[in-house]
Amino acid sequence: MTRSLFVFAACLFAAVHANADAYDAAVANPGRSAADVKRDALDHPAELLRLAGIKPGMRVADVLAGDGYYSELASYLVGPKGRVFMINNAAFDHWSDGPLQARLASDRLANVEHKTLDLDRMNLAPAGFDAILLVKVYHDLYWVDSEGVWPKIDTSGVLDQLARALKPRGVLLLVDHSAKAGSGNAAASPLHRVDEGYAIKDFESHGFKVVAKSDLLRRSEDARDQISYKGPALGKTDRFVLVFRKAAHAAEMTGLNQRVKADASIAPD
C-alpha cells in the first residue's frame, strides 16, 4: 500500500468509525425485508458502506441497482437531507420486477428516486453526486449477449459519464466477482466476472484513483472458472472491493491518465 493510499484509508476509517452505529443501525432497520436481511451475511453491507463513507446529506447514485438492496440502505444513511438515485436500465428493471415495486411501494423510501435509463445516454447532472455505487455489475458493462436480451454498451462512455457525474473528490464503490488474474474482461460474457487488475486500470484511465480496498469478501477457494450468478459458484465467489476517488481537478486527472498510459506501454503482450 502506498503512503498516500494508507493515509487516506486511515483518515477515512477514523472519520466514519465514530459514526459506525449509523451503518449498523441501517442494517438493523426494522422496515427491511426478510430477503434483504438474509442477504446481509453474504454482502456485509454495513462494512462496505462504511468503507465508502456514505453519510447524511449525500447524493448517491446506485447504478444498476436491481431491486434496490443497496439503495434502501443508502437511503437510511443519507437521511432526509440526502438523496439516492436508484438507476436501472430496462433489462435490470425487468429482472427486478416485483421486489423493486414492493421496495418503493407507498413512498416508503421518500428520499429514493427510481430512474430507468439507457446507460449510454444517462444525462446525469455534472458533479451531481457525492458517491456512486457499482456493486457486482461492472462486468455487465462488458457483457456481450448473444440472445439480444442485454444491449451492447459503450463501457468507456459509461465510465466517462460516471466521472463527470461525481463531484471532485467524490467516491465510487466498486464490488465485483473476480476473474482469473490477467484475464482482463474476457470472462465478462461467459462467467460474469472481471479481473481486478483490469478494473483498476480501467477506472484509473477515466480519472479515478484507488483510495481504499477490502478483503472482506474474498474466497480463496474460488477457482474463478464458474459462472458467478448461478450453479455451484452462487454465493461462493471471490469478490474484490475497491473505493475510488475522483480526481479533484483537471491537472490531477491528466497525471492519472499519463501514469496509466505509461503502465500500459510497458505491459507484456
C-alpha atoms as a PDB file:
ATOM      1  CA  MET A   1       0.000   0.000   0.000  1.00  0.00           C
ATOM      2  CA  THR A   2       1.428   3.382  -0.959  1.00  0.00           C
ATOM      3  CA  ARG A   3       1.798   6.046   1.719  1.00  0.00           C
ATOM      4  CA  SER A   4      -0.939   8.226   0.199  1.00  0.00           C
ATOM      5  CA  LEU A   5      -3.330   5.270  -0.008  1.00  0.00           C
ATOM      6  CA  PHE A   6      -2.548   4.285   3.583  1.00  0.00           C
ATOM      7  CA  VAL A   7      -3.054   7.827   4.892  1.00  0.00           C
ATOM      8  CA  PHE A   8      -6.344   8.275   3.056  1.00  0.00           C
ATOM      9  CA  ALA A   9      -7.643   4.886   4.216  1.00  0.00           C
ATOM     10  CA  ALA A  10      -6.652   5.658   7.807  1.00  0.00           C
ATOM     11  CA  CYS A  11      -8.340   9.064   7.676  1.00  0.00           C
ATOM     12  CA  LEU A  12     -11.442   7.588   6.061  1.00  0.00           C
ATOM     13  CA  PHE A  13     -11.642   4.906   8.737  1.00  0.00           C
ATOM     14  CA  ALA A  14     -11.205   7.469  11.531  1.00  0.00           C
ATOM     15  CA  ALA A  15     -13.813   9.779  10.029  1.00  0.00           C
ATOM     16  CA  VAL A  16     -16.509   7.141   9.735  1.00  0.00           C
ATOM     17  CA  HIS A  17     -15.680   4.937  12.725  1.00  0.00           C
ATOM     18  CA  ALA A  18     -17.258   7.445  15.108  1.00  0.00           C
ATOM     19  CA  ASN A  19     -20.414   7.106  13.032  1.00  0.00           C
ATOM     20  CA  ALA A  20     -20.204   3.305  12.905  1.00  0.00           C
ATOM     21  CA  ASP A  21     -23.526   2.903  14.714  1.00  0.00           C
ATOM     22  CA  ALA A  22     -25.291   4.550  11.776  1.00  0.00           C
ATOM     23  CA  TYR A  23     -24.194   1.737   9.439  1.00  0.00           C
ATOM     24  CA  ASP A  24     -25.177  -0.974  11.887  1.00  0.00           C
ATOM     25  CA  ALA A  25     -28.454   0.832  12.516  1.00  0.00           C
ATOM     26  CA  ALA A  26     -29.204   0.960   8.785  1.00  0.00           C
ATOM     27  CA  VAL A  27     -28.771  -2.798   8.522  1.00  0.00           C
ATOM     28  CA  ALA A  28     -30.864  -3.314  11.661  1.00  0.00           C
ATOM     29  CA  ASN A  29     -33.721  -1.089  10.435  1.00  0.00           C
ATOM     30  CA  PRO A  30     -36.964  -2.978  11.221  1.00  0.00           C
ATOM     31  CA  GLY A  31     -38.525  -1.939   7.914  1.00  0.00           C
ATOM     32  CA  ARG A  32     -36.164  -4.081   5.854  1.00  0.00           C
ATOM     33  CA  SER A  33     -37.457  -7.241   4.183  1.00  0.00           C
ATOM     34  CA  ALA A  34     -36.597 -10.755   5.289  1.00  0.00           C
ATOM     35  CA  ALA A  35     -34.924 -11.370   1.913  1.00  0.00           C
ATOM     36  CA  ASP A  36     -32.630  -8.387   2.412  1.00  0.00           C
ATOM     37  CA  VAL A  37     -31.722  -9.445   5.937  1.00  0.00           C
ATOM     38  CA  LYS A  38     -30.850 -12.920   4.672  1.00  0.00           C
ATOM     39  CA  ARG A  39     -28.569 -11.400   2.032  1.00  0.00           C
ATOM     40  CA  ASP A  40     -26.608  -9.382   4.607  1.00  0.00           C
ATOM     41  CA  ALA A  41     -24.483 -12.344   5.659  1.00  0.00           C
ATOM     42  CA  LEU A  42     -23.170 -12.647   2.100  1.00  0.00           C
ATOM     43  CA  ASP A  43     -22.740  -8.948   1.256  1.00  0.00           C
ATOM     44  CA  HIS A  44     -21.640  -7.375   4.584  1.00  0.00           C
ATOM     45  CA  PRO A  45     -23.276  -4.082   3.546  1.00  0.00           C
ATOM     46  CA  ALA A  46     -22.543  -2.145   6.748  1.00  0.00           C
ATOM     47  CA  GLU A  47     -18.818  -2.689   6.301  1.00  0.00           C
ATOM     48  CA  LEU A  48     -18.875  -1.777   2.603  1.00  0.00           C
ATOM     49  CA  LEU A  49     -20.924   1.389   3.030  1.00  0.00           C
ATOM     50  CA  ARG A  50     -18.739   2.349   5.982  1.00  0.00           C
ATOM     51  CA  LEU A  51     -15.651   1.900   3.809  1.00  0.00           C
ATOM     52  CA  ALA A  52     -17.193   4.165   1.174  1.00  0.00           C
ATOM     53  CA  GLY A  53     -18.058   6.785   3.785  1.00  0.00           C
ATOM     54  CA  ILE A  54     -21.734   7.183   2.887  1.00  0.00           C
ATOM     55  CA  LYS A  55     -23.121   9.758   5.310  1.00  0.00           C
ATOM     56  CA  PRO A  56     -26.039  12.139   5.947  1.00  0.00           C
ATOM     57  CA  GLY A  57     -26.818  14.709   3.284  1.00  0.00           C
ATOM     58  CA  MET A  58     -25.050  12.917   0.442  1.00  0.00           C
ATOM     59  CA  ARG A  59     -26.435  12.474  -3.054  1.00  0.00           C
ATOM     60  CA  VAL A  60     -25.781   8.864  -4.056  1.00  0.00           C
ATOM     61  CA  ALA A  61     -26.272   7.079  -7.381  1.00  0.00           C
ATOM     62  CA  ASP A  62     -26.813   3.315  -7.142  1.00  0.00           C
ATOM     63  CA  VAL A  63     -26.092   2.263 -10.732  1.00  0.00           C
ATOM     64  CA  LEU A  64     -27.735  -0.928 -11.994  1.00  0.00           C
ATOM     65  CA  ALA A  65     -29.320  -1.145  -8.578  1.00  0.00           C
ATOM     66  CA  GLY A  66     -31.555  -4.113  -9.399  1.00  0.00           C
ATOM     67  CA  ASP A  67     -34.310  -4.305  -6.820  1.00  0.00           C
ATOM     68  CA  GLY A  68     -32.595  -1.662  -4.665  1.00  0.00           C
ATOM     69  CA  TYR A  69     -30.970  -3.624  -1.836  1.00  0.00           C
ATOM     70  CA  TYR A  70     -28.178  -1.057  -1.504  1.00  0.00           C
ATOM     71  CA  SER A  71     -30.430   1.863  -2.423  1.00  0.00           C
ATOM     72  CA  GLU A  72     -32.564   1.256   0.655  1.00  0.00           C
ATOM     73  CA  LEU A  73     -29.560   1.031   2.968  1.00  0.00           C
ATOM     74  CA  ALA A  74     -28.072   4.180   1.455  1.00  0.00           C
ATOM     75  CA  SER A  75     -31.389   5.968   1.942  1.00  0.00           C
ATOM     76  CA  TYR A  76     -31.217   5.377   5.694  1.00  0.00           C
ATOM     77  CA  LEU A  77     -27.641   6.659   5.795  1.00  0.00           C
ATOM     78  CA  VAL A  78     -28.081   9.853   3.754  1.00  0.00           C
ATOM     79  CA  GLY A  79     -31.232  10.753   5.678  1.00  0.00           C
ATOM     80  CA  PRO A  80     -33.935  13.291   4.816  1.00  0.00           C
ATOM     81  CA  LYS A  81     -31.438  15.882   3.575  1.00  0.00           C
ATOM     82  CA  GLY A  82     -29.795  13.401   1.207  1.00  0.00           C
ATOM     83  CA  ARG A  83     -30.981  11.713  -1.969  1.00  0.00           C
ATOM     84  CA  VAL A  84     -30.481   8.291  -3.546  1.00  0.00           C
ATOM     85  CA  PHE A  85     -30.934   7.741  -7.273  1.00  0.00           C
ATOM     86  CA  MET A  86     -31.755   4.122  -7.991  1.00  0.00           C
ATOM     87  CA  ILE A  87     -30.671   3.711 -11.609  1.00  0.00           C
ATOM     88  CA  ASN A  88     -31.537   0.715 -13.794  1.00  0.00           C
ATOM     89  CA  ASN A  89     -31.763   0.106 -17.485  1.00  0.00           C
ATOM     90  CA  ALA A  90     -34.838  -1.646 -18.914  1.00  0.00           C
ATOM     91  CA  ALA A  91     -33.276  -5.095 -18.551  1.00  0.00           C
ATOM     92  CA  PHE A  92     -32.478  -4.650 -14.862  1.00  0.00           C
ATOM     93  CA  ASP A  93     -35.977  -3.312 -14.227  1.00  0.00           C
ATOM     94  CA  HIS A  94     -37.409  -6.413 -15.895  1.00  0.00           C
ATOM     95  CA  TRP A  95     -35.232  -8.797 -13.876  1.00  0.00           C
ATOM     96  CA  SER A  96     -36.164  -6.961 -10.662  1.00  0.00           C
ATOM     97  CA  ASP A  97     -39.891  -6.858 -11.356  1.00  0.00           C
ATOM     98  CA  GLY A  98     -41.885  -7.453  -8.170  1.00  0.00           C
ATOM     99  CA  PRO A  99     -39.288  -6.862  -5.447  1.00  0.00           C
ATOM    100  CA  LEU A 100     -38.448  -3.457  -6.944  1.00  0.00           C
ATOM    101  CA  GLN A 101     -42.063  -2.285  -6.814  1.00  0.00           C
ATOM    102  CA  ALA A 102     -42.504  -3.687  -3.307  1.00  0.00           C
ATOM    103  CA  ARG A 103     -39.468  -1.776  -2.083  1.00  0.00           C
ATOM    104  CA  LEU A 104     -40.770   1.536  -3.388  1.00  0.00           C
ATOM    105  CA  ALA A 105     -44.467   0.977  -2.642  1.00  0.00           C
ATOM    106  CA  SER A 106     -46.408   3.657  -0.781  1.00  0.00           C
ATOM    107  CA  ASP A 107     -43.433   6.015  -0.967  1.00  0.00           C
ATOM    108  CA  ARG A 108     -41.785   4.096   1.880  1.00  0.00           C
ATOM    109  CA  LEU A 109     -38.357   5.425   0.839  1.00  0.00           C
ATOM    110  CA  ALA A 110     -39.155   9.092   0.297  1.00  0.00           C
ATOM    111  CA  ASN A 111     -35.556  10.081  -0.473  1.00  0.00           C
ATOM    112  CA  VAL A 112     -35.093   7.422  -3.187  1.00  0.00           C
ATOM    113  CA  GLU A 113     -35.842   8.190  -6.831  1.00  0.00           C
ATOM    114  CA  HIS A 114     -36.019   5.307  -9.284  1.00  0.00           C
ATOM    115  CA  LYS A 115     -34.857   6.029 -12.833  1.00  0.00           C
ATOM    116  CA  THR A 116     -34.899   3.743 -15.886  1.00  0.00           C
ATOM    117  CA  LEU A 117     -32.169   4.958 -18.228  1.00  0.00           C
ATOM    118  CA  ASP A 118     -30.239   3.972 -21.323  1.00  0.00           C
ATOM    119  CA  LEU A 119     -26.737   3.555 -19.892  1.00  0.00           C
ATOM    120  CA  ASP A 120     -25.158   5.068 -22.986  1.00  0.00           C
ATOM    121  CA  ARG A 121     -27.240   8.227 -22.528  1.00  0.00           C
ATOM    122  CA  MET A 122     -27.905   8.702 -18.818  1.00  0.00           C
ATOM    123  CA  ASN A 123     -27.730  12.526 -18.962  1.00  0.00           C
ATOM    124  CA  LEU A 124     -26.602  12.759 -15.343  1.00  0.00           C
ATOM    125  CA  ALA A 125     -26.039  16.236 -13.956  1.00  0.00           C
ATOM    126  CA  PRO A 126     -22.347  17.227 -13.921  1.00  0.00           C
ATOM    127  CA  ALA A 127     -20.844  16.990 -10.415  1.00  0.00           C
ATOM    128  CA  GLY A 128     -24.261  15.991  -9.129  1.00  0.00           C
ATOM    129  CA  PHE A 129     -23.254  13.112  -6.832  1.00  0.00           C
ATOM    130  CA  ASP A 130     -21.090  12.667  -3.776  1.00  0.00           C
ATOM    131  CA  ALA A 131     -20.903   8.894  -4.248  1.00  0.00           C
ATOM    132  CA  ILE A 132     -21.666   6.193  -6.795  1.00  0.00           C
ATOM    133  CA  LEU A 133     -22.290   2.521  -6.016  1.00  0.00           C
ATOM    134  CA  LEU A 134     -21.438  -0.093  -8.638  1.00  0.00           C
ATOM    135  CA  VAL A 135     -21.980  -3.411  -6.907  1.00  0.00           C
ATOM    136  CA  LYS A 136     -21.470  -6.680  -8.806  1.00  0.00           C
ATOM    137  CA  VAL A 137     -22.498  -5.090 -12.097  1.00  0.00           C
ATOM    138  CA  TYR A 138     -19.354  -3.535 -13.617  1.00  0.00           C
ATOM    139  CA  HIS A 139     -18.696  -6.765 -15.525  1.00  0.00           C
ATOM    140  CA  ASP A 140     -22.112  -6.376 -17.176  1.00  0.00           C
ATOM    141  CA  LEU A 141     -20.824  -3.289 -18.964  1.00  0.00           C
ATOM    142  CA  TYR A 142     -18.624  -5.700 -20.951  1.00  0.00           C
ATOM    143  CA  TRP A 143     -21.227  -8.440 -21.356  1.00  0.00           C
ATOM    144  CA  VAL A 144     -21.982  -9.303 -24.984  1.00  0.00           C
ATOM    145  CA  ASP A 145     -25.327 -11.099 -25.039  1.00  0.00           C
ATOM    146  CA  SER A 146     -25.826 -13.455 -27.987  1.00  0.00           C
ATOM    147  CA  GLU A 147     -29.576 -13.697 -27.270  1.00  0.00           C
ATOM    148  CA  GLY A 148     -30.196  -9.975 -27.558  1.00  0.00           C
ATOM    149  CA  VAL A 149     -31.686  -9.509 -24.082  1.00  0.00           C
ATOM    150  CA  TRP A 150     -28.841  -7.258 -22.956  1.00  0.00           C
ATOM    151  CA  PRO A 151     -27.853  -4.227 -25.044  1.00  0.00           C
ATOM    152  CA  LYS A 152     -24.301  -3.635 -26.236  1.00  0.00           C
ATOM    153  CA  ILE A 153     -22.828  -0.930 -24.020  1.00  0.00           C
ATOM    154  CA  ASP A 154     -20.146   1.664 -24.649  1.00  0.00           C
ATOM    155  CA  THR A 155     -18.253   0.932 -21.429  1.00  0.00           C
ATOM    156  CA  SER A 156     -15.727   3.727 -21.829  1.00  0.00           C
ATOM    157  CA  GLY A 157     -18.575   6.162 -22.419  1.00  0.00           C
ATOM    158  CA  VAL A 158     -20.392   4.963 -19.291  1.00  0.00           C
ATOM    159  CA  LEU A 159     -17.280   5.427 -17.148  1.00  0.00           C
ATOM    160  CA  ASP A 160     -16.833   8.915 -18.598  1.00  0.00           C
ATOM    161  CA  GLN A 161     -20.433   9.712 -17.663  1.00  0.00           C
ATOM    162  CA  LEU A 162     -19.902   8.492 -14.110  1.00  0.00           C
ATOM    163  CA  ALA A 163     -16.701  10.519 -13.781  1.00  0.00           C
ATOM    164  CA  ARG A 164     -18.495  13.682 -14.917  1.00  0.00           C
ATOM    165  CA  ALA A 165     -21.429  12.992 -12.598  1.00  0.00           C
ATOM    166  CA  LEU A 166     -19.232  12.738  -9.488  1.00  0.00           C
ATOM    167  CA  LYS A 167     -18.219  15.828  -7.580  1.00  0.00           C
ATOM    168  CA  PRO A 168     -14.475  16.490  -7.358  1.00  0.00           C
ATOM    169  CA  ARG A 169     -13.082  14.006  -4.822  1.00  0.00           C
ATOM    170  CA  GLY A 170     -16.352  12.105  -4.864  1.00  0.00           C
ATOM    171  CA  VAL A 171     -16.120   8.358  -4.258  1.00  0.00           C
ATOM    172  CA  LEU A 172     -17.122   5.292  -6.240  1.00  0.00           C
ATOM    173  CA  LEU A 173     -17.594   1.924  -4.516  1.00  0.00           C
ATOM    174  CA  LEU A 174     -16.813  -0.980  -6.839  1.00  0.00           C
ATOM    175  CA  VAL A 175     -17.549  -4.598  -5.919  1.00  0.00           C
ATOM    176  CA  ASP A 176     -17.381  -7.433  -8.426  1.00  0.00           C
ATOM    177  CA  HIS A 177     -16.829 -11.129  -8.958  1.00  0.00           C
ATOM    178  CA  SER A 178     -13.155 -11.910  -9.515  1.00  0.00           C
ATOM    179  CA  ALA A 179     -11.933 -13.443 -12.743  1.00  0.00           C
ATOM    180  CA  LYS A 180      -8.528 -15.031 -13.078  1.00  0.00           C
ATOM    181  CA  ALA A 181      -5.644 -12.593 -12.831  1.00  0.00           C
ATOM    182  CA  GLY A 182      -4.571 -11.283 -16.199  1.00  0.00           C
ATOM    183  CA  SER A 183      -7.816 -12.239 -17.967  1.00  0.00           C
ATOM    184  CA  GLY A 184      -8.985  -8.656 -18.404  1.00  0.00           C
ATOM    185  CA  ASN A 185     -12.670  -8.502 -19.337  1.00  0.00           C
ATOM    186  CA  ALA A 186     -12.661 -11.837 -21.221  1.00  0.00           C
ATOM    187  CA  ALA A 187     -14.735 -13.584 -18.536  1.00  0.00           C
ATOM    188  CA  ALA A 188     -17.482 -10.947 -18.542  1.00  0.00           C
ATOM    189  CA  SER A 189     -19.711 -12.734 -21.062  1.00  0.00           C
ATOM    190  CA  PRO A 190     -19.162 -16.425 -20.255  1.00  0.00           C
ATOM    191  CA  LEU A 191     -18.746 -16.172 -16.458  1.00  0.00           C
ATOM    192  CA  HIS A 192     -19.998 -12.704 -15.421  1.00  0.00           C
ATOM    193  CA  ARG A 193     -16.663 -11.917 -13.774  1.00  0.00           C
ATOM    194  CA  VAL A 194     -13.861  -9.417 -14.368  1.00  0.00           C
ATOM    195  CA  ASP A 195     -10.179  -9.204 -13.452  1.00  0.00           C
ATOM    196  CA  GLU A 196      -9.481  -6.828 -10.555  1.00  0.00           C
ATOM    197  CA  GLY A 197      -6.245  -5.516 -12.053  1.00  0.00           C
ATOM    198  CA  TYR A 198      -8.036  -4.724 -15.296  1.00  0.00           C
ATOM    199  CA  ALA A 199     -10.791  -2.909 -13.398  1.00  0.00           C
ATOM    200  CA  ILE A 200      -8.284  -0.725 -11.572  1.00  0.00           C
ATOM    201  CA  LYS A 201      -6.585   0.338 -14.805  1.00  0.00           C
ATOM    202  CA  ASP A 202      -9.952   0.883 -16.472  1.00  0.00           C
ATOM    203  CA  PHE A 203     -11.156   3.282 -13.789  1.00  0.00           C
ATOM    204  CA  GLU A 204      -7.789   4.988 -13.452  1.00  0.00           C
ATOM    205  CA  SER A 205      -7.849   5.742 -17.175  1.00  0.00           C
ATOM    206  CA  HIS A 206     -11.093   7.663 -16.569  1.00  0.00           C
ATOM    207  CA  GLY A 207      -9.771   9.889 -13.795  1.00  0.00           C
ATOM    208  CA  PHE A 208     -10.269   7.726 -10.703  1.00  0.00           C
ATOM    209  CA  LYS A 209      -7.739   6.682  -8.080  1.00  0.00           C
ATOM    210  CA  VAL A 210      -7.938   3.741  -5.665  1.00  0.00           C
ATOM    211  CA  VAL A 211      -8.080   5.063  -2.106  1.00  0.00           C
ATOM    212  CA  ALA A 212      -9.258   2.022  -0.155  1.00  0.00           C
ATOM    213  CA  LYS A 213      -9.572  -1.749  -0.522  1.00  0.00           C
ATOM    214  CA  SER A 214     -11.097  -4.578   1.481  1.00  0.00           C
ATOM    215  CA  ASP A 215     -10.562  -8.346   1.528  1.00  0.00           C
ATOM    216  CA  LEU A 216     -13.824  -8.895   3.410  1.00  0.00           C
ATOM    217  CA  LEU A 217     -15.494 -10.705   0.501  1.00  0.00           C
ATOM    218  CA  ARG A 218     -12.503 -12.797  -0.546  1.00  0.00           C
ATOM    219  CA  ARG A 219     -12.962 -16.533  -1.113  1.00  0.00           C
ATOM    220  CA  SER A 220      -9.552 -18.105  -1.709  1.00  0.00           C
ATOM    221  CA  GLU A 221     -11.180 -21.436  -2.553  1.00  0.00           C
ATOM    222  CA  ASP A 222     -12.941 -19.945  -5.599  1.00  0.00           C
ATOM    223  CA  ALA A 223     -11.190 -21.218  -8.736  1.00  0.00           C
ATOM    224  CA  ARG A 224     -12.776 -18.310 -10.662  1.00  0.00           C
ATOM    225  CA  ASP A 225     -13.775 -20.618 -13.512  1.00  0.00           C
ATOM    226  CA  GLN A 226     -17.521 -20.951 -12.851  1.00  0.00           C
ATOM    227  CA  ILE A 227     -20.364 -18.605 -13.775  1.00  0.00           C
ATOM    228  CA  SER A 228     -20.905 -16.229 -10.866  1.00  0.00           C
ATOM    229  CA  TYR A 229     -24.668 -15.905 -10.506  1.00  0.00           C
ATOM    230  CA  LYS A 230     -25.923 -19.498 -10.632  1.00  0.00           C
ATOM    231  CA  GLY A 231     -24.874 -23.100 -10.158  1.00  0.00           C
ATOM    232  CA  PRO A 232     -22.105 -24.201  -7.789  1.00  0.00           C
ATOM    233  CA  ALA A 233     -20.480 -20.743  -7.536  1.00  0.00           C
ATOM    234  CA  LEU A 234     -23.642 -18.915  -6.465  1.00  0.00           C
ATOM    235  CA  GLY A 235     -22.893 -17.126  -3.205  1.00  0.00           C
ATOM    236  CA  LYS A 236     -19.363 -18.547  -3.137  1.00  0.00           C
ATOM    237  CA  THR A 237     -17.403 -16.292  -5.483  1.00  0.00           C
ATOM    238  CA  ASP A 238     -14.278 -14.369  -4.629  1.00  0.00           C
ATOM    239  CA  ARG A 239     -15.202 -10.684  -4.814  1.00  0.00           C
ATOM    240  CA  PHE A 240     -12.923  -7.671  -4.841  1.00  0.00           C
ATOM    241  CA  VAL A 241     -13.865  -4.412  -3.099  1.00  0.00           C
ATOM    242  CA  LEU A 242     -12.381  -1.095  -4.186  1.00  0.00           C
ATOM    243  CA  VAL A 243     -13.131   2.525  -3.313  1.00  0.00           C
ATOM    244  CA  PHE A 244     -12.076   5.042  -5.943  1.00  0.00           C
ATOM    245  CA  ARG A 245     -11.887   8.803  -5.588  1.00  0.00           C
ATOM    246  CA  LYS A 246     -12.404  11.159  -8.497  1.00  0.00           C
ATOM    247  CA  ALA A 247      -9.504  13.451  -9.303  1.00  0.00           C
ATOM    248  CA  ALA A 248     -10.026  16.885  -7.780  1.00  0.00           C
ATOM    249  CA  HIS A 249      -9.104  18.890 -10.883  1.00  0.00           C
ATOM    250  CA  ALA A 250      -8.004  18.544 -14.473  1.00  0.00           C
ATOM    251  CA  ALA A 251      -4.275  18.528 -13.688  1.00  0.00           C
ATOM    252  CA  GLU A 252      -4.652  15.641 -11.284  1.00  0.00           C
ATOM    253  CA  MET A 253      -6.774  13.733 -13.804  1.00  0.00           C
ATOM    254  CA  THR A 254      -4.180  14.310 -16.524  1.00  0.00           C
ATOM    255  CA  GLY A 255      -1.491  12.944 -14.229  1.00  0.00           C
ATOM    256  CA  LEU A 256      -3.508   9.816 -13.588  1.00  0.00           C
ATOM    257  CA  ASN A 257      -4.122   9.255 -17.294  1.00  0.00           C
ATOM    258  CA  GLN A 258      -0.445   9.703 -18.113  1.00  0.00           C
ATOM    259  CA  ARG A 259       0.511   7.180 -15.427  1.00  0.00           C
ATOM    260  CA  VAL A 260      -1.992   4.632 -16.758  1.00  0.00           C
ATOM    261  CA  LYS A 261      -0.713   5.087 -20.311  1.00  0.00           C
ATOM    262  CA  ALA A 262       2.860   4.677 -19.117  1.00  0.00           C
ATOM    263  CA  ASP A 263       1.940   1.469 -17.306  1.00  0.00           C
ATOM    264  CA  ALA A 264       0.201   0.152 -20.413  1.00  0.00           C
ATOM    265  CA  SER A 265       3.203   0.934 -22.602  1.00  0.00           C
ATOM    266  CA  ILE A 266       5.441  -1.466 -20.698  1.00  0.00           C
ATOM    267  CA  ALA A 267       2.873  -4.226 -20.225  1.00  0.00           C
ATOM    268  CA  PRO A 268       3.764  -7.538 -21.879  1.00  0.00           C
ATOM    269  CA  ASP A 269       1.679  -8.734 -24.830  1.00  0.00           C
END
